[in-house]
Amino acid sequence: MKVLIVEDSIFVQKMMRKLIADHFPESEIQTANNGEEGYHQYLEFKPDFITTDLLMPNLSGQEMLRMIREIDREVRIIILSADIQKVTREEVENLGISGFLNKPLTVEKANTLIQMIQVAHHAD
């Protein structure tokens, strides 16, 4: 399983990488610091899952999601963001996401994230 973590916080990147690697030791994990890097990593790496923040420099997670959905409706995308505006959430849900978790990432939310990945991974 290939996972791309798109997050401008290096701390959150490292936490997410460890969390996913601990629960899915067979996974390949790549990271990107913003939506622009995330889109290019997506094109090269072809991940099965993407976790992304929405509020990032250069290209937002929302814009990256739109670009990816223009060419791929299948890749599973989970949003992890502090942007909890109803309009934003509805927009990304309409673009076809697998889940939306509000930051900060707590133990409970981390467990929910792992469950989302497990369910989607076993659905393949």
PDB file of N, CA and C in Angstrom:
ATOM      1  N   MET A   1       0.840  -1.173   0.000  1.00  0.00           N
ATOM      2  CA  MET A   1       0.000   0.000   0.000  1.00  0.00           C
ATOM      3  C   MET A   1       0.890   1.244   0.000  1.00  0.00           C
ATOM      4  N   LYS A   2       0.553   2.196  -0.871  1.00  0.00           N
ATOM      5  CA  LYS A   2       1.313   3.435  -0.993  1.00  0.00           C
ATOM      6  C   LYS A   2       0.498   4.598  -0.428  1.00  0.00           C
ATOM      7  N   VAL A   3       1.141   5.379   0.450  1.00  0.00           N
ATOM      8  CA  VAL A   3       0.465   6.491   1.112  1.00  0.00           C
ATOM      9  C   VAL A   3       1.267   7.773   0.894  1.00  0.00           C
ATOM     10  N   LEU A   4       0.555   8.830   0.502  1.00  0.00           N
ATOM     11  CA  LEU A   4       1.159  10.152   0.356  1.00  0.00           C
ATOM     12  C   LEU A   4       0.576  11.067   1.428  1.00  0.00           C
ATOM     13  N   ILE A   5       1.455  11.661   2.222  1.00  0.00           N
ATOM     14  CA  ILE A   5       1.052  12.610   3.272  1.00  0.00           C
ATOM     15  C   ILE A   5       1.393  14.015   2.778  1.00  0.00           C
ATOM     16  N   VAL A   6       0.375  14.858   2.605  1.00  0.00           N
ATOM     17  CA  VAL A   6       0.578  16.230   2.146  1.00  0.00           C
ATOM     18  C   VAL A   6       0.240  17.148   3.317  1.00  0.00           C
ATOM     19  N   GLU A   7       1.266  17.787   3.854  1.00  0.00           N
ATOM     20  CA  GLU A   7       1.118  18.543   5.109  1.00  0.00           C
ATOM     21  C   GLU A   7       2.265  19.527   5.223  1.00  0.00           C
ATOM     22  N   ASP A   8       1.961  20.797   5.515  1.00  0.00           N
ATOM     23  CA  ASP A   8       3.028  21.793   5.624  1.00  0.00           C
ATOM     24  C   ASP A   8       3.720  21.790   6.977  1.00  0.00           C
ATOM     25  N   SER A   9       3.150  21.143   7.974  1.00  0.00           N
ATOM     26  CA  SER A   9       3.796  21.030   9.278  1.00  0.00           C
ATOM     27  C   SER A   9       4.664  19.768   9.314  1.00  0.00           C
ATOM     28  N   ILE A  10       5.964  19.955   9.460  1.00  0.00           N
ATOM     29  CA  ILE A  10       6.889  18.821   9.510  1.00  0.00           C
ATOM     30  C   ILE A  10       6.564  17.934  10.721  1.00  0.00           C
ATOM     31  N   PHE A  11       6.178  18.556  11.823  1.00  0.00           N
ATOM     32  CA  PHE A  11       5.805  17.797  13.025  1.00  0.00           C
ATOM     33  C   PHE A  11       4.637  16.849  12.730  1.00  0.00           C
ATOM     34  N   VAL A  12       3.581  17.376  12.092  1.00  0.00           N
ATOM     35  CA  VAL A  12       2.415  16.544  11.768  1.00  0.00           C
ATOM     36  C   VAL A  12       2.802  15.480  10.740  1.00  0.00           C
ATOM     37  N   GLN A  13       3.640  15.839   9.771  1.00  0.00           N
ATOM     38  CA  GLN A  13       4.131  14.858   8.788  1.00  0.00           C
ATOM     39  C   GLN A  13       4.778  13.664   9.489  1.00  0.00           C
ATOM     40  N   LYS A  14       5.691  13.970  10.408  1.00  0.00           N
ATOM     41  CA  LYS A  14       6.418  12.903  11.113  1.00  0.00           C
ATOM     42  C   LYS A  14       5.470  12.054  11.958  1.00  0.00           C
ATOM     43  N   MET A  15       4.519  12.712  12.623  1.00  0.00           N
ATOM     44  CA  MET A  15       3.553  11.995  13.443  1.00  0.00           C
ATOM     45  C   MET A  15       2.697  11.063  12.568  1.00  0.00           C
ATOM     46  N   MET A  16       2.249  11.576  11.434  1.00  0.00           N
ATOM     47  CA  MET A  16       1.424  10.771  10.518  1.00  0.00           C
ATOM     48  C   MET A  16       2.227   9.595   9.937  1.00  0.00           C
ATOM     49  N   ARG A  17       3.473   9.868   9.553  1.00  0.00           N
ATOM     50  CA  ARG A  17       4.329   8.808   8.992  1.00  0.00           C
ATOM     51  C   ARG A  17       4.496   7.675  10.003  1.00  0.00           C
ATOM     52  N   LYS A  18       4.770   8.028  11.254  1.00  0.00           N
ATOM     53  CA  LYS A  18       4.965   7.013  12.292  1.00  0.00           C
ATOM     54  C   LYS A  18       3.672   6.245  12.544  1.00  0.00           C
ATOM     55  N   LEU A  19       2.574   6.963  12.648  1.00  0.00           N
ATOM     56  CA  LEU A  19       1.275   6.337  12.882  1.00  0.00           C
ATOM     57  C   LEU A  19       0.947   5.311  11.788  1.00  0.00           C
ATOM     58  N   ILE A  20       1.103   5.710  10.552  1.00  0.00           N
ATOM     59  CA  ILE A  20       0.778   4.815   9.428  1.00  0.00           C
ATOM     60  C   ILE A  20       1.771   3.658   9.356  1.00  0.00           C
ATOM     61  N   ALA A  21       3.051   3.951   9.521  1.00  0.00           N
ATOM     62  CA  ALA A  21       4.069   2.892   9.463  1.00  0.00           C
ATOM     63  C   ALA A  21       3.890   1.875  10.585  1.00  0.00           C
ATOM     64  N   ASP A  22       3.490   2.341  11.771  1.00  0.00           N
ATOM     65  CA  ASP A  22       3.278   1.422  12.900  1.00  0.00           C
ATOM     66  C   ASP A  22       2.107   0.477  12.648  1.00  0.00           C
ATOM     67  N   HIS A  23       1.053   0.959  11.996  1.00  0.00           N
ATOM     68  CA  HIS A  23      -0.140   0.144  11.763  1.00  0.00           C
ATOM     69  C   HIS A  23      -0.100  -0.614  10.435  1.00  0.00           C
ATOM     70  N   PHE A  24       0.673  -0.100   9.485  1.00  0.00           N
ATOM     71  CA  PHE A  24       0.793  -0.731   8.171  1.00  0.00           C
ATOM     72  C   PHE A  24       2.271  -0.824   7.808  1.00  0.00           C
ATOM     73  N   PRO A  25       2.989  -1.766   8.449  1.00  0.00           N
ATOM     74  CA  PRO A  25       4.444  -1.819   8.252  1.00  0.00           C
ATOM     75  C   PRO A  25       4.861  -2.079   6.804  1.00  0.00           C
ATOM     76  N   GLU A  26       3.958  -2.650   6.001  1.00  0.00           N
ATOM     77  CA  GLU A  26       4.293  -2.951   4.609  1.00  0.00           C
ATOM     78  C   GLU A  26       4.129  -1.734   3.699  1.00  0.00           C
ATOM     79  N   SER A  27       3.612  -0.624   4.249  1.00  0.00           N
ATOM     80  CA  SER A  27       3.296   0.530   3.410  1.00  0.00           C
ATOM     81  C   SER A  27       4.541   1.294   2.975  1.00  0.00           C
ATOM     82  N   GLU A  28       4.434   1.896   1.785  1.00  0.00           N
ATOM     83  CA  GLU A  28       5.436   2.839   1.292  1.00  0.00           C
ATOM     84  C   GLU A  28       4.851   4.222   1.538  1.00  0.00           C
ATOM     85  N   ILE A  29       5.630   5.115   2.149  1.00  0.00           N
ATOM     86  CA  ILE A  29       5.106   6.429   2.522  1.00  0.00           C
ATOM     87  C   ILE A  29       5.992   7.524   1.924  1.00  0.00           C
ATOM     88  N   GLN A  30       5.346   8.488   1.269  1.00  0.00           N
ATOM     89  CA  GLN A  30       6.021   9.678   0.755  1.00  0.00           C
ATOM     90  C   GLN A  30       5.368  10.892   1.405  1.00  0.00           C
ATOM     91  N   THR A  31       6.094  12.001   1.474  1.00  0.00           N
ATOM     92  CA  THR A  31       5.530  13.227   2.037  1.00  0.00           C
ATOM     93  C   THR A  31       5.736  14.391   1.072  1.00  0.00           C
ATOM     94  N   ALA A  32       4.864  15.386   1.223  1.00  0.00           N
ATOM     95  CA  ALA A  32       4.976  16.631   0.464  1.00  0.00           C
ATOM     96  C   ALA A  32       4.608  17.772   1.403  1.00  0.00           C
ATOM     97  N   ASN A  33       5.223  18.938   1.182  1.00  0.00           N
ATOM     98  CA  ASN A  33       5.051  20.077   2.089  1.00  0.00           C
ATOM     99  C   ASN A  33       3.914  21.023   1.716  1.00  0.00           C
ATOM    100  N   ASN A  34       3.331  20.860   0.540  1.00  0.00           N
ATOM    101  CA  ASN A  34       2.220  21.713   0.113  1.00  0.00           C
ATOM    102  C   ASN A  34       1.488  21.029  -1.040  1.00  0.00           C
ATOM    103  N   GLY A  35       0.401  21.647  -1.492  1.00  0.00           N
ATOM    104  CA  GLY A  35      -0.410  21.037  -2.537  1.00  0.00           C
ATOM    105  C   GLY A  35       0.316  20.881  -3.859  1.00  0.00           C
ATOM    106  N   GLU A  36       1.173  21.838  -4.190  1.00  0.00           N
ATOM    107  CA  GLU A  36       1.927  21.750  -5.446  1.00  0.00           C
ATOM    108  C   GLU A  36       2.860  20.538  -5.427  1.00  0.00           C
ATOM    109  N   GLU A  37       3.644  20.400  -4.350  1.00  0.00           N
ATOM    110  CA  GLU A  37       4.515  19.225  -4.212  1.00  0.00           C
ATOM    111  C   GLU A  37       3.668  17.953  -4.156  1.00  0.00           C
ATOM    112  N   GLY A  38       2.539  18.034  -3.453  1.00  0.00           N
ATOM    113  CA  GLY A  38       1.667  16.877  -3.326  1.00  0.00           C
ATOM    114  C   GLY A  38       1.165  16.390  -4.670  1.00  0.00           C
ATOM    115  N   TYR A  39       0.782  17.327  -5.536  1.00  0.00           N
ATOM    116  CA  TYR A  39       0.281  16.949  -6.860  1.00  0.00           C
ATOM    117  C   TYR A  39       1.378  16.272  -7.673  1.00  0.00           C
ATOM    118  N   HIS A  40       2.581  16.841  -7.646  1.00  0.00           N
ATOM    119  CA  HIS A  40       3.694  16.233  -8.394  1.00  0.00           C
ATOM    120  C   HIS A  40       4.062  14.864  -7.825  1.00  0.00           C
ATOM    121  N   GLN A  41       4.064  14.749  -6.493  1.00  0.00           N
ATOM    122  CA  GLN A  41       4.331  13.442  -5.856  1.00  0.00           C
ATOM    123  C   GLN A  41       3.249  12.433  -6.243  1.00  0.00           C
ATOM    124  N   TYR A  42       1.994  12.890  -6.280  1.00  0.00           N
ATOM    125  CA  TYR A  42       0.891  12.017  -6.686  1.00  0.00           C
ATOM    126  C   TYR A  42       1.149  11.463  -8.091  1.00  0.00           C
ATOM    127  N   LEU A  43       1.525  12.331  -9.027  1.00  0.00           N
ATOM    128  CA  LEU A  43       1.751  11.900 -10.411  1.00  0.00           C
ATOM    129  C   LEU A  43       2.875  10.869 -10.510  1.00  0.00           C
ATOM    130  N   GLU A  44       3.943  11.061  -9.750  1.00  0.00           N
ATOM    131  CA  GLU A  44       5.104  10.154  -9.798  1.00  0.00           C
ATOM    132  C   GLU A  44       4.895   8.884  -8.982  1.00  0.00           C
ATOM    133  N   PHE A  45       4.353   9.016  -7.784  1.00  0.00           N
ATOM    134  CA  PHE A  45       4.281   7.928  -6.800  1.00  0.00           C
ATOM    135  C   PHE A  45       3.047   7.043  -6.975  1.00  0.00           C
ATOM    136  N   LYS A  46       1.965   7.594  -7.528  1.00  0.00           N
ATOM    137  CA  LYS A  46       0.696   6.875  -7.714  1.00  0.00           C
ATOM    138  C   LYS A  46       0.242   6.180  -6.419  1.00  0.00           C
ATOM    139  N   PRO A  47      -0.047   6.975  -5.375  1.00  0.00           N
ATOM    140  CA  PRO A  47      -0.431   6.377  -4.090  1.00  0.00           C
ATOM    141  C   PRO A  47      -1.830   5.760  -4.119  1.00  0.00           C
ATOM    142  N   ASP A  48      -2.063   4.840  -3.178  1.00  0.00           N
ATOM    143  CA  ASP A  48      -3.394   4.276  -2.976  1.00  0.00           C
ATOM    144  C   ASP A  48      -4.216   5.203  -2.081  1.00  0.00           C
ATOM    145  N   PHE A  49      -3.519   5.918  -1.178  1.00  0.00           N
ATOM    146  CA  PHE A  49      -4.154   6.821  -0.221  1.00  0.00           C
ATOM    147  C   PHE A  49      -3.387   8.130  -0.172  1.00  0.00           C
ATOM    148  N   ILE A  50      -4.133   9.211   0.037  1.00  0.00           N
ATOM    149  CA  ILE A  50      -3.533  10.519   0.279  1.00  0.00           C
ATOM    150  C   ILE A  50      -4.180  11.083   1.544  1.00  0.00           C
ATOM    151  N   THR A  51      -3.353  11.543   2.480  1.00  0.00           N
ATOM    152  CA  THR A  51      -3.878  12.348   3.585  1.00  0.00           C
ATOM    153  C   THR A  51      -3.382  13.760   3.307  1.00  0.00           C
ATOM    154  N   THR A  52      -4.265  14.737   3.455  1.00  0.00           N
ATOM    155  CA  THR A  52      -3.847  16.101   3.158  1.00  0.00           C
ATOM    156  C   THR A  52      -4.498  17.117   4.077  1.00  0.00           C
ATOM    157  N   ASP A  53      -3.734  18.154   4.335  1.00  0.00           N
ATOM    158  CA  ASP A  53      -4.240  19.352   4.986  1.00  0.00           C
ATOM    159  C   ASP A  53      -4.915  20.173   3.888  1.00  0.00           C
ATOM    160  N   LEU A  54      -5.704  21.154   4.247  1.00  0.00           N
ATOM    161  CA  LEU A  54      -6.307  22.044   3.257  1.00  0.00           C
ATOM    162  C   LEU A  54      -5.579  23.378   3.187  1.00  0.00           C
ATOM    163  N   LEU A  55      -5.174  23.897   4.355  1.00  0.00           N
ATOM    164  CA  LEU A  55      -4.555  25.218   4.425  1.00  0.00           C
ATOM    165  C   LEU A  55      -3.035  25.099   4.338  1.00  0.00           C
ATOM    166  N   MET A  56      -2.512  25.310   3.115  1.00  0.00           N
ATOM    167  CA  MET A  56      -1.064  25.187   2.887  1.00  0.00           C
ATOM    168  C   MET A  56      -0.616  26.259   1.903  1.00  0.00           C
ATOM    169  N   PRO A  57       0.681  26.625   1.931  1.00  0.00           N
ATOM    170  CA  PRO A  57       1.193  27.628   0.986  1.00  0.00           C
ATOM    171  C   PRO A  57       1.281  27.063  -0.440  1.00  0.00           C
ATOM    172  N   ASN A  58       1.442  27.958  -1.391  1.00  0.00           N
ATOM    173  CA  ASN A  58       1.622  27.653  -2.826  1.00  0.00           C
ATOM    174  C   ASN A  58       0.343  27.142  -3.477  1.00  0.00           C
ATOM    175  N   LEU A  59      -0.137  25.984  -3.060  1.00  0.00           N
ATOM    176  CA  LEU A  59      -1.356  25.403  -3.617  1.00  0.00           C
ATOM    177  C   LEU A  59      -2.077  24.720  -2.463  1.00  0.00           C
ATOM    178  N   SER A  60      -3.314  25.095  -2.240  1.00  0.00           N
ATOM    179  CA  SER A  60      -4.056  24.524  -1.110  1.00  0.00           C
ATOM    180  C   SER A  60      -4.374  23.053  -1.347  1.00  0.00           C
ATOM    181  N   GLY A  61      -4.699  22.363  -0.279  1.00  0.00           N
ATOM    182  CA  GLY A  61      -5.114  20.967  -0.401  1.00  0.00           C
ATOM    183  C   GLY A  61      -6.378  20.837  -1.225  1.00  0.00           C
ATOM    184  N   GLN A  62      -7.249  21.831  -1.116  1.00  0.00           N
ATOM    185  CA  GLN A  62      -8.497  21.852  -1.870  1.00  0.00           C
ATOM    186  C   GLN A  62      -8.225  21.921  -3.381  1.00  0.00           C
ATOM    187  N   GLU A  63      -7.318  22.806  -3.779  1.00  0.00           N
ATOM    188  CA  GLU A  63      -6.952  22.930  -5.196  1.00  0.00           C
ATOM    189  C   GLU A  63      -6.265  21.656  -5.686  1.00  0.00           C
ATOM    190  N   MET A  64      -5.378  21.099  -4.864  1.00  0.00           N
ATOM    191  CA  MET A  64      -4.718  19.844  -5.235  1.00  0.00           C
ATOM    192  C   MET A  64      -5.752  18.745  -5.451  1.00  0.00           C
ATOM    193  N   LEU A  65      -6.718  18.669  -4.536  1.00  0.00           N
ATOM    194  CA  LEU A  65      -7.780  17.670  -4.635  1.00  0.00           C
ATOM    195  C   LEU A  65      -8.549  17.834  -5.946  1.00  0.00           C
ATOM    196  N   ARG A  66      -8.885  19.067  -6.310  1.00  0.00           N
ATOM    197  CA  ARG A  66      -9.588  19.318  -7.580  1.00  0.00           C
ATOM    198  C   ARG A  66      -8.764  18.810  -8.763  1.00  0.00           C
ATOM    199  N   MET A  67      -7.472  19.131  -8.755  1.00  0.00           N
ATOM    200  CA  MET A  67      -6.596  18.723  -9.862  1.00  0.00           C
ATOM    201  C   MET A  67      -6.500  17.203  -9.963  1.00  0.00           C
ATOM    202  N   ILE A  68      -6.362  16.542  -8.826  1.00  0.00           N
ATOM    203  CA  ILE A  68      -6.270  15.080  -8.824  1.00  0.00           C
ATOM    204  C   ILE A  68      -7.578  14.476  -9.313  1.00  0.00           C
ATOM    205  N   ARG A  69      -8.700  15.007  -8.873  1.00  0.00           N
ATOM    206  CA  ARG A  69     -10.007  14.452  -9.259  1.00  0.00           C
ATOM    207  C   ARG A  69     -10.298  14.635 -10.749  1.00  0.00           C
ATOM    208  N   GLU A  70      -9.639  15.578 -11.403  1.00  0.00           N
ATOM    209  CA  GLU A  70      -9.802  15.732 -12.850  1.00  0.00           C
ATOM    210  C   GLU A  70      -9.253  14.530 -13.608  1.00  0.00           C
ATOM    211  N   ILE A  71      -8.276  13.842 -13.012  1.00  0.00           N
ATOM    212  CA  ILE A  71      -7.667  12.706 -13.711  1.00  0.00           C
ATOM    213  C   ILE A  71      -7.826  11.373 -12.975  1.00  0.00           C
ATOM    214  N   ASP A  72      -8.256  11.408 -11.729  1.00  0.00           N
ATOM    215  CA  ASP A  72      -8.356  10.169 -10.950  1.00  0.00           C
ATOM    216  C   ASP A  72      -9.497  10.274  -9.938  1.00  0.00           C
ATOM    217  N   ARG A  73     -10.534   9.492 -10.138  1.00  0.00           N
ATOM    218  CA  ARG A  73     -11.666   9.476  -9.200  1.00  0.00           C
ATOM    219  C   ARG A  73     -11.525   8.368  -8.166  1.00  0.00           C
ATOM    220  N   GLU A  74     -10.496   7.532  -8.292  1.00  0.00           N
ATOM    221  CA  GLU A  74     -10.377   6.333  -7.466  1.00  0.00           C
ATOM    222  C   GLU A  74      -9.496   6.480  -6.233  1.00  0.00           C
ATOM    223  N   VAL A  75      -8.422   7.267  -6.332  1.00  0.00           N
ATOM    224  CA  VAL A  75      -7.497   7.354  -5.195  1.00  0.00           C
ATOM    225  C   VAL A  75      -8.265   7.828  -3.970  1.00  0.00           C
ATOM    226  N   ARG A  76      -7.994   7.199  -2.847  1.00  0.00           N
ATOM    227  CA  ARG A  76      -8.683   7.521  -1.602  1.00  0.00           C
ATOM    228  C   ARG A  76      -7.985   8.704  -0.927  1.00  0.00           C
ATOM    229  N   ILE A  77      -8.780   9.697  -0.538  1.00  0.00           N
ATOM    230  CA  ILE A  77      -8.216  10.915   0.042  1.00  0.00           C
ATOM    231  C   ILE A  77      -8.909  11.206   1.371  1.00  0.00           C
ATOM    232  N   ILE A  78      -8.084  11.393   2.405  1.00  0.00           N
ATOM    233  CA  ILE A  78      -8.583  11.735   3.733  1.00  0.00           C
ATOM    234  C   ILE A  78      -8.049  13.117   4.092  1.00  0.00           C
ATOM    235  N   ILE A  79      -8.955  14.011   4.451  1.00  0.00           N
ATOM    236  CA  ILE A  79      -8.587  15.376   4.828  1.00  0.00           C
ATOM    237  C   ILE A  79      -8.340  15.433   6.330  1.00  0.00           C
ATOM    238  N   LEU A  80      -7.242  16.078   6.710  1.00  0.00           N
ATOM    239  CA  LEU A  80      -6.922  16.329   8.112  1.00  0.00           C
ATOM    240  C   LEU A  80      -6.611  17.822   8.201  1.00  0.00           C
ATOM    241  N   SER A  81      -7.579  18.614   8.665  1.00  0.00           N
ATOM    242  CA  SER A  81      -7.416  20.062   8.575  1.00  0.00           C
ATOM    243  C   SER A  81      -8.064  20.798   9.738  1.00  0.00           C
ATOM    244  N   ALA A  82      -7.534  21.989  10.010  1.00  0.00           N
ATOM    245  CA  ALA A  82      -8.134  22.873  11.004  1.00  0.00           C
ATOM    246  C   ALA A  82      -9.240  23.718  10.369  1.00  0.00           C
ATOM    247  N   ASP A  83      -9.348  23.701   9.034  1.00  0.00           N
ATOM    248  CA  ASP A  83     -10.391  24.448   8.334  1.00  0.00           C
ATOM    249  C   ASP A  83     -11.689  23.659   8.419  1.00  0.00           C
ATOM    250  N   ILE A  84     -12.568  24.074   9.326  1.00  0.00           N
ATOM    251  CA  ILE A  84     -13.796  23.309   9.542  1.00  0.00           C
ATOM    252  C   ILE A  84     -15.030  24.099   9.100  1.00  0.00           C
ATOM    253  N   GLN A  85     -14.836  25.043   8.191  1.00  0.00           N
ATOM    254  CA  GLN A  85     -15.972  25.792   7.670  1.00  0.00           C
ATOM    255  C   GLN A  85     -16.897  24.840   6.914  1.00  0.00           C
ATOM    256  N   LYS A  86     -18.174  25.006   7.129  1.00  0.00           N
ATOM    257  CA  LYS A  86     -19.165  24.122   6.514  1.00  0.00           C
ATOM    258  C   LYS A  86     -19.057  24.128   4.986  1.00  0.00           C
ATOM    259  N   VAL A  87     -18.889  25.295   4.399  1.00  0.00           N
ATOM    260  CA  VAL A  87     -18.802  25.422   2.942  1.00  0.00           C
ATOM    261  C   VAL A  87     -17.589  24.655   2.408  1.00  0.00           C
ATOM    262  N   THR A  88     -16.451  24.808   3.077  1.00  0.00           N
ATOM    263  CA  THR A  88     -15.235  24.114   2.660  1.00  0.00           C
ATOM    264  C   THR A  88     -15.424  22.608   2.756  1.00  0.00           C
ATOM    265  N   ARG A  89     -15.972  22.168   3.853  1.00  0.00           N
ATOM    266  CA  ARG A  89     -16.177  20.736   4.047  1.00  0.00           C
ATOM    267  C   ARG A  89     -17.113  20.155   2.980  1.00  0.00           C
ATOM    268  N   GLU A  90     -18.193  20.858   2.698  1.00  0.00           N
ATOM    269  CA  GLU A  90     -19.131  20.392   1.664  1.00  0.00           C
ATOM    270  C   GLU A  90     -18.454  20.328   0.304  1.00  0.00           C
ATOM    271  N   GLU A  91     -17.631  21.323  -0.002  1.00  0.00           N
ATOM    272  CA  GLU A  91     -16.952  21.345  -1.291  1.00  0.00           C
ATOM    273  C   GLU A  91     -16.017  20.143  -1.452  1.00  0.00           C
ATOM    274  N   VAL A  92     -15.199  19.856  -0.430  1.00  0.00           N
ATOM    275  CA  VAL A  92     -14.279  18.723  -0.565  1.00  0.00           C
ATOM    276  C   VAL A  92     -15.035  17.391  -0.536  1.00  0.00           C
ATOM    277  N   GLU A  93     -16.124  17.337   0.211  1.00  0.00           N
ATOM    278  CA  GLU A  93     -16.925  16.104   0.201  1.00  0.00           C
ATOM    279  C   GLU A  93     -17.524  15.862  -1.176  1.00  0.00           C
ATOM    280  N   ASN A  94     -17.930  16.931  -1.871  1.00  0.00           N
ATOM    281  CA  ASN A  94     -18.461  16.798  -3.227  1.00  0.00           C
ATOM    282  C   ASN A  94     -17.393  16.356  -4.226  1.00  0.00           C
ATOM    283  N   LEU A  95     -16.138  16.584  -3.883  1.00  0.00           N
ATOM    284  CA  LEU A  95     -15.039  16.134  -4.746  1.00  0.00           C
ATOM    285  C   LEU A  95     -14.689  14.668  -4.500  1.00  0.00           C
ATOM    286  N   GLY A  96     -15.339  14.054  -3.544  1.00  0.00           N
ATOM    287  CA  GLY A  96     -15.153  12.624  -3.326  1.00  0.00           C
ATOM    288  C   GLY A  96     -13.986  12.293  -2.413  1.00  0.00           C
ATOM    289  N   ILE A  97     -14.161  12.556  -1.129  1.00  0.00           N
ATOM    290  CA  ILE A  97     -13.127  12.188  -0.163  1.00  0.00           C
ATOM    291  C   ILE A  97     -13.595  10.969   0.628  1.00  0.00           C
ATOM    292  N   SER A  98     -12.653  10.278   1.212  1.00  0.00           N
ATOM    293  CA  SER A  98     -12.970   9.101   2.028  1.00  0.00           C
ATOM    294  C   SER A  98     -13.233   9.458   3.482  1.00  0.00           C
ATOM    295  N   GLY A  99     -12.803  10.645   3.901  1.00  0.00           N
ATOM    296  CA  GLY A  99     -13.006  11.047   5.286  1.00  0.00           C
ATOM    297  C   GLY A  99     -12.484  12.450   5.539  1.00  0.00           C
ATOM    298  N   PHE A 100     -12.955  13.059   6.632  1.00  0.00           N
ATOM    299  CA  PHE A 100     -12.545  14.404   7.026  1.00  0.00           C
ATOM    300  C   PHE A 100     -12.354  14.398   8.536  1.00  0.00           C
ATOM    301  N   LEU A 101     -11.160  14.707   8.977  1.00  0.00           N
ATOM    302  CA  LEU A 101     -10.864  14.789  10.408  1.00  0.00           C
ATOM    303  C   LEU A 101     -10.375  16.194  10.732  1.00  0.00           C
ATOM    304  N   ASN A 102     -10.865  16.747  11.838  1.00  0.00           N
ATOM    305  CA  ASN A 102     -10.441  18.070  12.274  1.00  0.00           C
ATOM    306  C   ASN A 102      -9.157  17.974  13.080  1.00  0.00           C
ATOM    307  N   LYS A 103      -8.239  18.922  12.824  1.00  0.00           N
ATOM    308  CA  LYS A 103      -7.052  19.044  13.660  1.00  0.00           C
ATOM    309  C   LYS A 103      -7.464  19.694  14.957  1.00  0.00           C
ATOM    310  N   PRO A 104      -6.727  19.501  16.024  1.00  0.00           N
ATOM    311  CA  PRO A 104      -5.483  18.740  16.102  1.00  0.00           C
ATOM    312  C   PRO A 104      -5.739  17.230  16.105  1.00  0.00           C
ATOM    313  N   LEU A 105      -4.706  16.503  15.724  1.00  0.00           N
ATOM    314  CA  LEU A 105      -4.778  15.049  15.685  1.00  0.00           C
ATOM    315  C   LEU A 105      -4.629  14.502  17.105  1.00  0.00           C
ATOM    316  N   THR A 106      -5.719  14.010  17.647  1.00  0.00           N
ATOM    317  CA  THR A 106      -5.717  13.415  18.984  1.00  0.00           C
ATOM    318  C   THR A 106      -5.575  11.898  18.833  1.00  0.00           C
ATOM    319  N   VAL A 107      -5.432  11.196  19.937  1.00  0.00           N
ATOM    320  CA  VAL A 107      -5.352   9.738  19.906  1.00  0.00           C
ATOM    321  C   VAL A 107      -6.624   9.168  19.289  1.00  0.00           C
ATOM    322  N   GLU A 108      -7.766   9.715  19.695  1.00  0.00           N
ATOM    323  CA  GLU A 108      -9.052   9.236  19.167  1.00  0.00           C
ATOM    324  C   GLU A 108      -9.143   9.451  17.648  1.00  0.00           C
ATOM    325  N   LYS A 109      -8.726  10.631  17.180  1.00  0.00           N
ATOM    326  CA  LYS A 109      -8.765  10.916  15.740  1.00  0.00           C
ATOM    327  C   LYS A 109      -7.745  10.077  14.981  1.00  0.00           C
ATOM    328  N   ALA A 110      -6.598   9.808  15.598  1.00  0.00           N
ATOM    329  CA  ALA A 110      -5.597   8.941  14.973  1.00  0.00           C
ATOM    330  C   ALA A 110      -6.171   7.535  14.785  1.00  0.00           C
ATOM    331  N   ASN A 111      -6.873   7.042  15.787  1.00  0.00           N
ATOM    332  CA  ASN A 111      -7.504   5.718  15.669  1.00  0.00           C
ATOM    333  C   ASN A 111      -8.562   5.718  14.571  1.00  0.00           C
ATOM    334  N   THR A 112      -9.325   6.799  14.467  1.00  0.00           N
ATOM    335  CA  THR A 112     -10.334   6.918  13.410  1.00  0.00           C
ATOM    336  C   THR A 112      -9.665   6.910  12.037  1.00  0.00           C
ATOM    337  N   LEU A 113      -8.555   7.632  11.905  1.00  0.00           N
ATOM    338  CA  LEU A 113      -7.809   7.666  10.649  1.00  0.00           C
ATOM    339  C   LEU A 113      -7.359   6.258  10.250  1.00  0.00           C
ATOM    340  N   ILE A 114      -6.791   5.538  11.192  1.00  0.00           N
ATOM    341  CA  ILE A 114      -6.326   4.172  10.912  1.00  0.00           C
ATOM    342  C   ILE A 114      -7.503   3.286  10.496  1.00  0.00           C
ATOM    343  N   GLN A 115      -8.635   3.429  11.175  1.00  0.00           N
ATOM    344  CA  GLN A 115      -9.816   2.648  10.809  1.00  0.00           C
ATOM    345  C   GLN A 115     -10.300   2.989   9.401  1.00  0.00           C
ATOM    346  N   MET A 116     -10.276   4.274   9.041  1.00  0.00           N
ATOM    347  CA  MET A 116     -10.670   4.680   7.681  1.00  0.00           C
ATOM    348  C   MET A 116      -9.776   4.023   6.632  1.00  0.00           C
ATOM    349  N   ILE A 117      -8.474   4.014   6.900  1.00  0.00           N
ATOM    350  CA  ILE A 117      -7.534   3.420   5.948  1.00  0.00           C
ATOM    351  C   ILE A 117      -7.761   1.915   5.874  1.00  0.00           C
ATOM    352  N   GLN A 118      -7.942   1.271   7.033  1.00  0.00           N
ATOM    353  CA  GLN A 118      -8.163  -0.177   7.044  1.00  0.00           C
ATOM    354  C   GLN A 118      -9.407  -0.554   6.250  1.00  0.00           C
ATOM    355  N   VAL A 119     -10.506   0.149   6.481  1.00  0.00           N
ATOM    356  CA  VAL A 119     -11.762  -0.154   5.788  1.00  0.00           C
ATOM    357  C   VAL A 119     -11.587   0.028   4.281  1.00  0.00           C
ATOM    358  N   ALA A 120     -11.002   1.146   3.877  1.00  0.00           N
ATOM    359  CA  ALA A 120     -10.817   1.409   2.451  1.00  0.00           C
ATOM    360  C   ALA A 120      -9.831   0.439   1.825  1.00  0.00           C
ATOM    361  N   HIS A 121      -8.781   0.094   2.560  1.00  0.00           N
ATOM    362  CA  HIS A 121      -7.759  -0.820   2.039  1.00  0.00           C
ATOM    363  C   HIS A 121      -8.345  -2.216   1.821  1.00  0.00           C
ATOM    364  N   HIS A 122      -9.191  -2.675   2.733  1.00  0.00           N
ATOM    365  CA  HIS A 122      -9.789  -3.991   2.602  1.00  0.00           C
ATOM    366  C   HIS A 122     -10.927  -4.018   1.581  1.00  0.00           C
ATOM    367  N   ALA A 123     -11.416  -2.837   1.208  1.00  0.00           N
ATOM    368  CA  ALA A 123     -12.473  -2.766   0.197  1.00  0.00           C
ATOM    369  C   ALA A 123     -11.902  -2.963  -1.209  1.00  0.00           C
ATOM    370  N   ASP A 124     -10.599  -2.773  -1.362  1.00  0.00           N
ATOM    371  CA  ASP A 124      -9.959  -2.920  -2.685  1.00  0.00           C
ATOM    372  C   ASP A 124      -9.954  -4.351  -3.172  1.00  0.00           C
TER     373      ASP A 124
END
